[in-house]
């Protein structure tokens, strides 16, 4: 995988993990989200971000599959 594709994968993995962490905060700790009265709406936005990142990762893997080692078994 070339460096640009690898960088894209890392960006979308980070976006996915950040949205997941924020979603877990909304779901598990009402103290951390006191300034957001529409927590369900905010959760929906985070799920959308996660779905987008996952879709982008899936597309990158489909278009640029990880290449296996040239010499296997050594």
N, C-alpha and C. Protein backbone atom coordinates (compact mmCIF):
# COMPACT_ATOMS: atom_id res chain seq x y z
N UNK A 1 0.87 -1.18 0.00
CA UNK A 1 0.00 0.00 0.00
C UNK A 1 0.90 1.23 0.00
N UNK A 2 0.60 2.18 -0.85
CA UNK A 2 1.47 3.35 -0.89
C UNK A 2 1.19 4.28 0.30
N UNK A 3 2.10 5.21 0.50
CA UNK A 3 2.04 6.08 1.68
C UNK A 3 0.79 6.95 1.72
N UNK A 4 0.31 7.40 0.58
CA UNK A 4 -0.89 8.25 0.56
C UNK A 4 -2.12 7.46 0.96
N UNK A 5 -2.24 6.24 0.44
CA UNK A 5 -3.38 5.40 0.82
C UNK A 5 -3.28 5.06 2.30
N UNK A 6 -2.09 4.75 2.77
CA UNK A 6 -1.90 4.45 4.19
C UNK A 6 -2.30 5.64 5.06
N UNK A 7 -1.95 6.85 4.62
CA UNK A 7 -2.32 8.05 5.37
C UNK A 7 -3.84 8.21 5.41
N UNK A 8 -4.51 7.93 4.30
CA UNK A 8 -5.97 8.00 4.28
C UNK A 8 -6.59 6.99 5.24
N UNK A 9 -6.05 5.78 5.24
CA UNK A 9 -6.55 4.74 6.16
C UNK A 9 -6.40 5.22 7.60
N UNK A 10 -5.27 5.78 7.94
CA UNK A 10 -5.05 6.26 9.31
C UNK A 10 -6.00 7.39 9.67
N UNK A 11 -6.26 8.28 8.73
CA UNK A 11 -7.20 9.38 8.98
C UNK A 11 -8.59 8.83 9.29
N UNK A 12 -9.08 7.91 8.47
CA UNK A 12 -10.42 7.38 8.68
C UNK A 12 -10.50 6.49 9.92
N UNK A 13 -9.43 5.79 10.25
CA UNK A 13 -9.41 5.01 11.49
C UNK A 13 -9.48 5.95 12.70
N UNK A 14 -8.74 7.05 12.64
CA UNK A 14 -8.77 8.02 13.73
C UNK A 14 -10.14 8.67 13.86
N UNK A 15 -10.75 9.03 12.72
CA UNK A 15 -12.10 9.62 12.75
C UNK A 15 -13.11 8.64 13.36
N UNK A 16 -12.99 7.38 12.99
CA UNK A 16 -13.90 6.36 13.51
C UNK A 16 -13.73 6.22 15.01
N UNK A 17 -12.50 6.15 15.48
CA UNK A 17 -12.26 5.98 16.91
C UNK A 17 -12.67 7.21 17.71
N UNK A 18 -12.44 8.40 17.18
CA UNK A 18 -12.83 9.62 17.87
C UNK A 18 -14.35 9.70 18.01
N UNK A 19 -15.06 9.41 16.94
CA UNK A 19 -16.53 9.44 17.00
C UNK A 19 -17.05 8.38 17.96
N UNK A 20 -16.44 7.21 17.95
CA UNK A 20 -16.86 6.15 18.88
C UNK A 20 -16.64 6.57 20.32
N UNK A 21 -15.49 7.15 20.61
CA UNK A 21 -15.21 7.61 21.98
C UNK A 21 -16.22 8.66 22.43
N UNK A 22 -16.53 9.60 21.54
CA UNK A 22 -17.51 10.63 21.87
C UNK A 22 -18.90 10.03 22.05
N UNK A 23 -19.26 9.09 21.20
CA UNK A 23 -20.57 8.45 21.32
C UNK A 23 -20.68 7.71 22.66
N UNK A 24 -19.64 7.00 23.04
CA UNK A 24 -19.65 6.30 24.32
C UNK A 24 -19.79 7.27 25.48
N UNK A 25 -19.19 8.46 25.36
CA UNK A 25 -19.35 9.47 26.40
C UNK A 25 -20.81 9.89 26.50
N UNK A 26 -21.44 10.16 25.37
CA UNK A 26 -22.86 10.53 25.37
C UNK A 26 -23.72 9.41 25.97
N UNK A 27 -23.42 8.19 25.63
CA UNK A 27 -24.26 7.08 26.07
C UNK A 27 -24.03 6.70 27.54
N UNK A 28 -22.83 6.92 28.04
CA UNK A 28 -22.50 6.43 29.37
C UNK A 28 -22.35 7.50 30.44
N UNK A 29 -22.26 8.77 30.06
CA UNK A 29 -21.99 9.80 31.05
C UNK A 29 -22.72 11.09 30.70
N UNK A 30 -23.82 11.33 31.36
CA UNK A 30 -24.57 12.55 31.08
C UNK A 30 -23.83 13.79 31.58
N UNK A 31 -22.90 13.63 32.50
CA UNK A 31 -22.14 14.76 33.01
C UNK A 31 -21.28 15.39 31.92
N UNK A 32 -20.71 14.57 31.04
CA UNK A 32 -19.82 15.06 30.01
C UNK A 32 -20.51 15.77 28.87
N UNK A 33 -21.85 15.77 28.85
CA UNK A 33 -22.57 16.37 27.73
C UNK A 33 -23.63 17.35 28.19
N UNK A 34 -23.42 17.97 29.30
CA UNK A 34 -24.42 18.88 29.87
C UNK A 34 -24.77 20.05 29.00
N UNK A 35 -23.84 20.51 28.15
CA UNK A 35 -24.11 21.67 27.32
C UNK A 35 -24.87 21.34 26.04
N UNK A 36 -25.18 20.06 25.81
CA UNK A 36 -25.90 19.63 24.61
C UNK A 36 -27.28 19.09 25.00
N UNK A 37 -28.33 19.90 24.82
CA UNK A 37 -29.66 19.43 25.21
C UNK A 37 -30.21 18.33 24.30
N UNK A 38 -29.76 18.28 23.05
CA UNK A 38 -30.27 17.28 22.10
C UNK A 38 -29.26 16.14 21.97
N UNK A 39 -29.16 15.33 23.02
CA UNK A 39 -28.15 14.28 23.02
C UNK A 39 -28.44 13.21 21.96
N UNK A 40 -29.70 12.93 21.69
CA UNK A 40 -30.03 11.94 20.66
C UNK A 40 -29.58 12.44 19.29
N UNK A 41 -29.82 13.70 19.02
CA UNK A 41 -29.38 14.28 17.76
C UNK A 41 -27.86 14.26 17.63
N UNK A 42 -27.18 14.57 18.71
CA UNK A 42 -25.71 14.53 18.69
C UNK A 42 -25.21 13.10 18.49
N UNK A 43 -25.87 12.13 19.12
CA UNK A 43 -25.50 10.73 18.92
C UNK A 43 -25.71 10.31 17.47
N UNK A 44 -26.79 10.77 16.87
CA UNK A 44 -27.06 10.45 15.46
C UNK A 44 -25.95 11.02 14.56
N UNK A 45 -25.50 12.23 14.86
CA UNK A 45 -24.41 12.82 14.07
C UNK A 45 -23.13 11.99 14.20
N UNK A 46 -22.87 11.50 15.41
CA UNK A 46 -21.67 10.70 15.62
C UNK A 46 -21.78 9.35 14.91
N UNK A 47 -22.96 8.76 14.92
CA UNK A 47 -23.16 7.50 14.19
C UNK A 47 -22.95 7.74 12.69
N UNK A 48 -23.44 8.87 12.19
CA UNK A 48 -23.21 9.21 10.77
C UNK A 48 -21.72 9.34 10.47
N UNK A 49 -20.97 9.99 11.37
CA UNK A 49 -19.53 10.13 11.18
C UNK A 49 -18.85 8.76 11.17
N UNK A 50 -19.30 7.87 12.07
CA UNK A 50 -18.73 6.53 12.14
C UNK A 50 -19.03 5.75 10.87
N UNK A 51 -20.27 5.86 10.39
CA UNK A 51 -20.66 5.15 9.17
C UNK A 51 -19.86 5.66 7.97
N UNK A 52 -19.66 6.96 7.91
CA UNK A 52 -18.88 7.54 6.81
C UNK A 52 -17.44 7.04 6.84
N UNK A 53 -16.83 7.08 8.02
CA UNK A 53 -15.45 6.63 8.14
C UNK A 53 -15.32 5.14 7.81
N UNK A 54 -16.27 4.34 8.29
CA UNK A 54 -16.24 2.90 8.01
C UNK A 54 -16.42 2.64 6.52
N UNK A 55 -17.32 3.36 5.89
CA UNK A 55 -17.52 3.22 4.45
C UNK A 55 -16.27 3.59 3.66
N UNK A 56 -15.61 4.65 4.09
CA UNK A 56 -14.39 5.06 3.41
C UNK A 56 -13.29 4.02 3.59
N UNK A 57 -13.17 3.47 4.80
CA UNK A 57 -12.17 2.42 5.04
C UNK A 57 -12.46 1.19 4.19
N UNK A 58 -13.72 0.80 4.12
CA UNK A 58 -14.10 -0.37 3.30
C UNK A 58 -13.77 -0.13 1.83
N UNK A 59 -14.07 1.06 1.35
CA UNK A 59 -13.79 1.40 -0.05
C UNK A 59 -12.29 1.37 -0.33
N UNK A 60 -11.50 1.95 0.57
CA UNK A 60 -10.05 1.94 0.38
C UNK A 60 -9.50 0.51 0.36
N UNK A 61 -10.02 -0.33 1.25
CA UNK A 61 -9.55 -1.72 1.29
C UNK A 61 -9.94 -2.45 0.00
N UNK A 62 -11.12 -2.16 -0.51
CA UNK A 62 -11.56 -2.79 -1.75
C UNK A 62 -10.73 -2.32 -2.95
N UNK A 63 -10.48 -1.02 -3.00
CA UNK A 63 -9.76 -0.45 -4.14
C UNK A 63 -8.25 -0.70 -4.07
N UNK A 64 -7.73 -0.74 -2.85
CA UNK A 64 -6.28 -0.91 -2.64
C UNK A 64 -6.05 -1.98 -1.59
N UNK A 65 -6.32 -3.25 -1.93
CA UNK A 65 -6.17 -4.30 -0.92
C UNK A 65 -4.73 -4.41 -0.43
N UNK A 66 -4.57 -4.74 0.86
CA UNK A 66 -3.20 -4.92 1.36
C UNK A 66 -2.50 -6.01 0.56
N UNK A 67 -1.28 -5.74 0.17
CA UNK A 67 -0.55 -6.70 -0.63
C UNK A 67 0.16 -7.68 0.29
N UNK A 68 0.11 -8.96 -0.11
CA UNK A 68 0.79 -9.99 0.66
C UNK A 68 2.28 -9.91 0.37
N UNK A 69 3.04 -10.44 1.26
CA UNK A 69 4.49 -10.49 1.11
C UNK A 69 4.87 -11.21 -0.17
N UNK A 70 5.91 -10.73 -0.83
CA UNK A 70 6.39 -11.36 -2.05
C UNK A 70 6.87 -12.78 -1.79
N UNK A 71 7.52 -12.97 -0.65
CA UNK A 71 8.08 -14.28 -0.30
C UNK A 71 7.41 -14.73 0.98
N UNK A 72 6.53 -15.72 0.88
CA UNK A 72 5.84 -16.20 2.06
C UNK A 72 6.57 -17.41 2.61
N UNK A 73 6.47 -17.57 3.93
CA UNK A 73 7.04 -18.74 4.56
C UNK A 73 8.50 -18.60 4.94
N UNK A 74 9.08 -17.43 4.74
CA UNK A 74 10.48 -17.24 5.12
C UNK A 74 10.56 -16.37 6.35
